[in-house]
Amino acid sequence: MRLSIYGLIWRALPGPKWLKVILALLLFCAVVFVLMKWVFPVISDYMPFNNVTMDPDSAP
């Protein structure tokens, strides 16, 4: 038996198909909002691409 997280979420959502689609979209938007509001700002200090500097002597 092969389980996927999307299948589990789909089966856990209540209601008919049209309501499940709306709830899945709302759930997706909520996850994106939480990531952008709280998670990404906290981990941005640890990302290597934030320390980009250019040396003026190395310009062509």
PDB file of N, CA and C in Angstrom:
ATOM      1  N   MET A   1       0.847  -1.183   0.000  1.00  0.00           N
ATOM      2  CA  MET A   1       0.000   0.000   0.000  1.00  0.00           C
ATOM      3  C   MET A   1       0.884   1.235   0.000  1.00  0.00           C
ATOM      4  N   ARG A   2       0.661   2.101  -0.954  1.00  0.00           N
ATOM      5  CA  ARG A   2       1.477   3.298  -1.099  1.00  0.00           C
ATOM      6  C   ARG A   2       0.670   4.512  -0.654  1.00  0.00           C
ATOM      7  N   LEU A   3       1.200   5.235   0.333  1.00  0.00           N
ATOM      8  CA  LEU A   3       0.518   6.418   0.848  1.00  0.00           C
ATOM      9  C   LEU A   3       1.261   7.667   0.424  1.00  0.00           C
ATOM     10  N   SER A   4       0.515   8.684   0.116  1.00  0.00           N
ATOM     11  CA  SER A   4       1.131   9.980  -0.146  1.00  0.00           C
ATOM     12  C   SER A   4       0.512  10.999   0.807  1.00  0.00           C
ATOM     13  N   ILE A   5       1.273  12.011   1.133  1.00  0.00           N
ATOM     14  CA  ILE A   5       0.778  13.027   2.055  1.00  0.00           C
ATOM     15  C   ILE A   5      -0.405  13.781   1.440  1.00  0.00           C
ATOM     16  N   TYR A   6      -0.391  13.950   0.112  1.00  0.00           N
ATOM     17  CA  TYR A   6      -1.488  14.665  -0.543  1.00  0.00           C
ATOM     18  C   TYR A   6      -2.777  13.855  -0.492  1.00  0.00           C
ATOM     19  N   GLY A   7      -2.655  12.556  -0.652  1.00  0.00           N
ATOM     20  CA  GLY A   7      -3.828  11.699  -0.543  1.00  0.00           C
ATOM     21  C   GLY A   7      -4.400  11.699   0.861  1.00  0.00           C
ATOM     22  N   LEU A   8      -3.520  11.692   1.845  1.00  0.00           N
ATOM     23  CA  LEU A   8      -3.980  11.736   3.231  1.00  0.00           C
ATOM     24  C   LEU A   8      -4.687  13.053   3.538  1.00  0.00           C
ATOM     25  N   ILE A   9      -4.123  14.150   3.060  1.00  0.00           N
ATOM     26  CA  ILE A   9      -4.758  15.457   3.274  1.00  0.00           C
ATOM     27  C   ILE A   9      -6.106  15.499   2.563  1.00  0.00           C
ATOM     28  N   TRP A  10      -6.147  15.000   1.311  1.00  0.00           N
ATOM     29  CA  TRP A  10      -7.387  15.030   0.541  1.00  0.00           C
ATOM     30  C   TRP A  10      -8.484  14.234   1.237  1.00  0.00           C
ATOM     31  N   ARG A  11      -8.139  13.063   1.772  1.00  0.00           N
ATOM     32  CA  ARG A  11      -9.135  12.244   2.454  1.00  0.00           C
ATOM     33  C   ARG A  11      -9.542  12.842   3.801  1.00  0.00           C
ATOM     34  N   ALA A  12      -8.667  13.628   4.419  1.00  0.00           N
ATOM     35  CA  ALA A  12      -8.985  14.221   5.721  1.00  0.00           C
ATOM     36  C   ALA A  12      -9.890  15.445   5.589  1.00  0.00           C
ATOM     37  N   LEU A  13      -9.896  16.082   4.419  1.00  0.00           N
ATOM     38  CA  LEU A  13     -10.737  17.262   4.231  1.00  0.00           C
ATOM     39  C   LEU A  13     -12.200  16.845   4.112  1.00  0.00           C
ATOM     40  N   PRO A  14     -13.081  17.585   4.787  1.00  0.00           N
ATOM     41  CA  PRO A  14     -14.502  17.210   4.755  1.00  0.00           C
ATOM     42  C   PRO A  14     -15.216  17.780   3.531  1.00  0.00           C
ATOM     43  N   GLY A  15     -16.351  17.193   3.203  1.00  0.00           N
ATOM     44  CA  GLY A  15     -17.237  17.758   2.201  1.00  0.00           C
ATOM     45  C   GLY A  15     -17.060  17.199   0.808  1.00  0.00           C
ATOM     46  N   PRO A  16     -17.847  17.751  -0.123  1.00  0.00           N
ATOM     47  CA  PRO A  16     -17.759  17.321  -1.520  1.00  0.00           C
ATOM     48  C   PRO A  16     -16.474  17.842  -2.175  1.00  0.00           C
ATOM     49  N   LYS A  17     -16.286  17.434  -3.419  1.00  0.00           N
ATOM     50  CA  LYS A  17     -15.036  17.743  -4.126  1.00  0.00           C
ATOM     51  C   LYS A  17     -14.786  19.245  -4.239  1.00  0.00           C
ATOM     52  N   TRP A  18     -15.818  20.028  -4.552  1.00  0.00           N
ATOM     53  CA  TRP A  18     -15.613  21.470  -4.722  1.00  0.00           C
ATOM     54  C   TRP A  18     -15.184  22.123  -3.409  1.00  0.00           C
ATOM     55  N   LEU A  19     -15.710  21.634  -2.289  1.00  0.00           N
ATOM     56  CA  LEU A  19     -15.328  22.175  -0.987  1.00  0.00           C
ATOM     57  C   LEU A  19     -13.901  21.761  -0.625  1.00  0.00           C
ATOM     58  N   LYS A  20     -13.544  20.529  -0.977  1.00  0.00           N
ATOM     59  CA  LYS A  20     -12.177  20.064  -0.732  1.00  0.00           C
ATOM     60  C   LYS A  20     -11.161  20.900  -1.501  1.00  0.00           C
ATOM     61  N   VAL A  21     -11.495  21.271  -2.724  1.00  0.00           N
ATOM     62  CA  VAL A  21     -10.595  22.106  -3.531  1.00  0.00           C
ATOM     63  C   VAL A  21     -10.398  23.469  -2.856  1.00  0.00           C
ATOM     64  N   ILE A  22     -11.479  24.065  -2.409  1.00  0.00           N
ATOM     65  CA  ILE A  22     -11.395  25.367  -1.736  1.00  0.00           C
ATOM     66  C   ILE A  22     -10.597  25.255  -0.437  1.00  0.00           C
ATOM     67  N   LEU A  23     -10.871  24.229   0.345  1.00  0.00           N
ATOM     68  CA  LEU A  23     -10.135  24.045   1.602  1.00  0.00           C
ATOM     69  C   LEU A  23      -8.661  23.755   1.359  1.00  0.00           C
ATOM     70  N   ALA A  24      -8.357  22.987   0.316  1.00  0.00           N
ATOM     71  CA  ALA A  24      -6.954  22.701  -0.010  1.00  0.00           C
ATOM     72  C   ALA A  24      -6.231  23.980  -0.424  1.00  0.00           C
ATOM     73  N   LEU A  25      -6.883  24.838  -1.176  1.00  0.00           N
ATOM     74  CA  LEU A  25      -6.277  26.118  -1.563  1.00  0.00           C
ATOM     75  C   LEU A  25      -6.064  27.017  -0.347  1.00  0.00           C
ATOM     76  N   LEU A  26      -7.040  27.053   0.540  1.00  0.00           N
ATOM     77  CA  LEU A  26      -6.887  27.839   1.768  1.00  0.00           C
ATOM     78  C   LEU A  26      -5.759  27.298   2.642  1.00  0.00           C
ATOM     79  N   LEU A  27      -5.638  25.992   2.730  1.00  0.00           N
ATOM     80  CA  LEU A  27      -4.559  25.370   3.490  1.00  0.00           C
ATOM     81  C   LEU A  27      -3.204  25.699   2.879  1.00  0.00           C
ATOM     82  N   PHE A  28      -3.112  25.638   1.555  1.00  0.00           N
ATOM     83  CA  PHE A  28      -1.879  25.988   0.856  1.00  0.00           C
ATOM     84  C   PHE A  28      -1.507  27.447   1.116  1.00  0.00           C
ATOM     85  N   CYS A  29      -2.471  28.354   1.016  1.00  0.00           N
ATOM     86  CA  CYS A  29      -2.209  29.779   1.268  1.00  0.00           C
ATOM     87  C   CYS A  29      -1.777  30.015   2.707  1.00  0.00           C
ATOM     88  N   ALA A  30      -2.365  29.297   3.644  1.00  0.00           N
ATOM     89  CA  ALA A  30      -1.983  29.440   5.048  1.00  0.00           C
ATOM     90  C   ALA A  30      -0.545  28.980   5.271  1.00  0.00           C
ATOM     91  N   VAL A  31      -0.153  27.881   4.648  1.00  0.00           N
ATOM     92  CA  VAL A  31       1.218  27.388   4.786  1.00  0.00           C
ATOM     93  C   VAL A  31       2.207  28.380   4.185  1.00  0.00           C
ATOM     94  N   VAL A  32       1.905  28.912   3.014  1.00  0.00           N
ATOM     95  CA  VAL A  32       2.786  29.906   2.378  1.00  0.00           C
ATOM     96  C   VAL A  32       2.893  31.152   3.249  1.00  0.00           C
ATOM     97  N   PHE A  33       1.770  31.598   3.809  1.00  0.00           N
ATOM     98  CA  PHE A  33       1.785  32.776   4.670  1.00  0.00           C
ATOM     99  C   PHE A  33       2.665  32.566   5.894  1.00  0.00           C
ATOM    100  N   VAL A  34       2.527  31.424   6.547  1.00  0.00           N
ATOM    101  CA  VAL A  34       3.339  31.127   7.740  1.00  0.00           C
ATOM    102  C   VAL A  34       4.819  31.074   7.371  1.00  0.00           C
ATOM    103  N   LEU A  35       5.136  30.450   6.249  1.00  0.00           N
ATOM    104  CA  LEU A  35       6.540  30.391   5.825  1.00  0.00           C
ATOM    105  C   LEU A  35       7.105  31.785   5.563  1.00  0.00           C
ATOM    106  N   MET A  36       6.363  32.614   4.846  1.00  0.00           N
ATOM    107  CA  MET A  36       6.855  33.954   4.509  1.00  0.00           C
ATOM    108  C   MET A  36       6.894  34.885   5.716  1.00  0.00           C
ATOM    109  N   LYS A  37       5.970  34.740   6.628  1.00  0.00           N
ATOM    110  CA  LYS A  37       5.862  35.654   7.762  1.00  0.00           C
ATOM    111  C   LYS A  37       6.847  35.327   8.880  1.00  0.00           C
ATOM    112  N   TRP A  38       6.998  34.027   9.202  1.00  0.00           N
ATOM    113  CA  TRP A  38       7.789  33.678  10.383  1.00  0.00           C
ATOM    114  C   TRP A  38       8.997  32.782  10.094  1.00  0.00           C
ATOM    115  N   VAL A  39       8.861  31.800   9.224  1.00  0.00           N
ATOM    116  CA  VAL A  39       9.940  30.821   9.043  1.00  0.00           C
ATOM    117  C   VAL A  39      11.091  31.399   8.245  1.00  0.00           C
ATOM    118  N   PHE A  40      10.836  31.916   7.048  1.00  0.00           N
ATOM    119  CA  PHE A  40      11.911  32.408   6.201  1.00  0.00           C
ATOM    120  C   PHE A  40      12.690  33.576   6.813  1.00  0.00           C
ATOM    121  N   PRO A  41      12.048  34.538   7.493  1.00  0.00           N
ATOM    122  CA  PRO A  41      12.846  35.591   8.131  1.00  0.00           C
ATOM    123  C   PRO A  41      13.804  35.059   9.203  1.00  0.00           C
ATOM    124  N   VAL A  42      13.410  34.021   9.907  1.00  0.00           N
ATOM    125  CA  VAL A  42      14.269  33.466  10.953  1.00  0.00           C
ATOM    126  C   VAL A  42      15.476  32.761  10.342  1.00  0.00           C
ATOM    127  N   ILE A  43      15.262  31.991   9.272  1.00  0.00           N
ATOM    128  CA  ILE A  43      16.370  31.226   8.705  1.00  0.00           C
ATOM    129  C   ILE A  43      17.179  32.020   7.684  1.00  0.00           C
ATOM    130  N   SER A  44      16.764  33.219   7.327  1.00  0.00           N
ATOM    131  CA  SER A  44      17.486  33.983   6.302  1.00  0.00           C
ATOM    132  C   SER A  44      18.905  34.359   6.735  1.00  0.00           C
ATOM    133  N   ASP A  45      19.124  34.514   8.039  1.00  0.00           N
ATOM    134  CA  ASP A  45      20.462  34.835   8.516  1.00  0.00           C
ATOM    135  C   ASP A  45      21.437  33.684   8.310  1.00  0.00           C
ATOM    136  N   TYR A  46      20.941  32.481   8.161  1.00  0.00           N
ATOM    137  CA  TYR A  46      21.786  31.305   8.023  1.00  0.00           C
ATOM    138  C   TYR A  46      21.988  30.877   6.573  1.00  0.00           C
ATOM    139  N   MET A  47      21.358  31.551   5.636  1.00  0.00           N
ATOM    140  CA  MET A  47      21.471  31.181   4.227  1.00  0.00           C
ATOM    141  C   MET A  47      22.740  31.794   3.628  1.00  0.00           C
ATOM    142  N   PRO A  48      23.493  31.032   2.834  1.00  0.00           N
ATOM    143  CA  PRO A  48      24.766  31.526   2.300  1.00  0.00           C
ATOM    144  C   PRO A  48      24.612  32.596   1.228  1.00  0.00           C
ATOM    145  N   PHE A  49      23.477  32.671   0.556  1.00  0.00           N
ATOM    146  CA  PHE A  49      23.332  33.641  -0.526  1.00  0.00           C
ATOM    147  C   PHE A  49      23.032  35.045  -0.023  1.00  0.00           C
ATOM    148  N   ASN A  50      22.951  35.265   1.283  1.00  0.00           N
ATOM    149  CA  ASN A  50      22.733  36.605   1.822  1.00  0.00           C
ATOM    150  C   ASN A  50      24.031  37.390   1.963  1.00  0.00           C
ATOM    151  N   ASN A  51      25.167  36.731   1.878  1.00  0.00           N
ATOM    152  CA  ASN A  51      26.455  37.387   2.062  1.00  0.00           C
ATOM    153  C   ASN A  51      27.152  37.609   0.726  1.00  0.00           C
ATOM    154  N   VAL A  52      26.465  38.225  -0.201  1.00  0.00           N
ATOM    155  CA  VAL A  52      27.017  38.460  -1.533  1.00  0.00           C
ATOM    156  C   VAL A  52      27.577  39.868  -1.582  1.00  0.00           C
ATOM    157  N   THR A  53      28.868  39.983  -1.856  1.00  0.00           N
ATOM    158  CA  THR A  53      29.505  41.285  -2.028  1.00  0.00           C
ATOM    159  C   THR A  53      30.329  41.256  -3.297  1.00  0.00           C
ATOM    160  N   MET A  54      30.512  42.408  -3.876  1.00  0.00           N
ATOM    161  CA  MET A  54      31.327  42.509  -5.079  1.00  0.00           C
ATOM    162  C   MET A  54      32.534  43.372  -4.783  1.00  0.00           C
ATOM    163  N   ASP A  55      33.655  42.909  -5.239  1.00  0.00           N
ATOM    164  CA  ASP A  55      34.891  43.672  -5.106  1.00  0.00           C
ATOM    165  C   ASP A  55      35.003  44.573  -6.336  1.00  0.00           C
ATOM    166  N   PRO A  56      35.138  45.888  -6.157  1.00  0.00           N
ATOM    167  CA  PRO A  56      35.204  46.790  -7.318  1.00  0.00           C
ATOM    168  C   PRO A  56      36.421  46.523  -8.193  1.00  0.00           C
ATOM    169  N   ASP A  57      37.462  45.945  -7.637  1.00  0.00           N
ATOM    170  CA  ASP A  57      38.655  45.653  -8.446  1.00  0.00           C
ATOM    171  C   ASP A  57      38.468  44.454  -9.369  1.00  0.00           C
ATOM    172  N   SER A  58      37.484  43.620  -9.098  1.00  0.00           N
ATOM    173  CA  SER A  58      37.298  42.438  -9.905  1.00  0.00           C
ATOM    174  C   SER A  58      36.325  42.677 -11.067  1.00  0.00           C
ATOM    175  N   ALA A  59      35.799  43.864 -11.206  1.00  0.00           N
ATOM    176  CA  ALA A  59      34.878  44.175 -12.305  1.00  0.00           C
ATOM    177  C   ALA A  59      35.651  44.189 -13.619  1.00  0.00           C
ATOM    178  N   PRO A  60      35.000  43.771 -14.709  1.00  0.00           N
ATOM    179  CA  PRO A  60      35.701  43.724 -16.006  1.00  0.00           C
ATOM    180  C   PRO A  60      36.040  45.084 -16.556  1.00  0.00           C
TER     181      PRO A  60
END
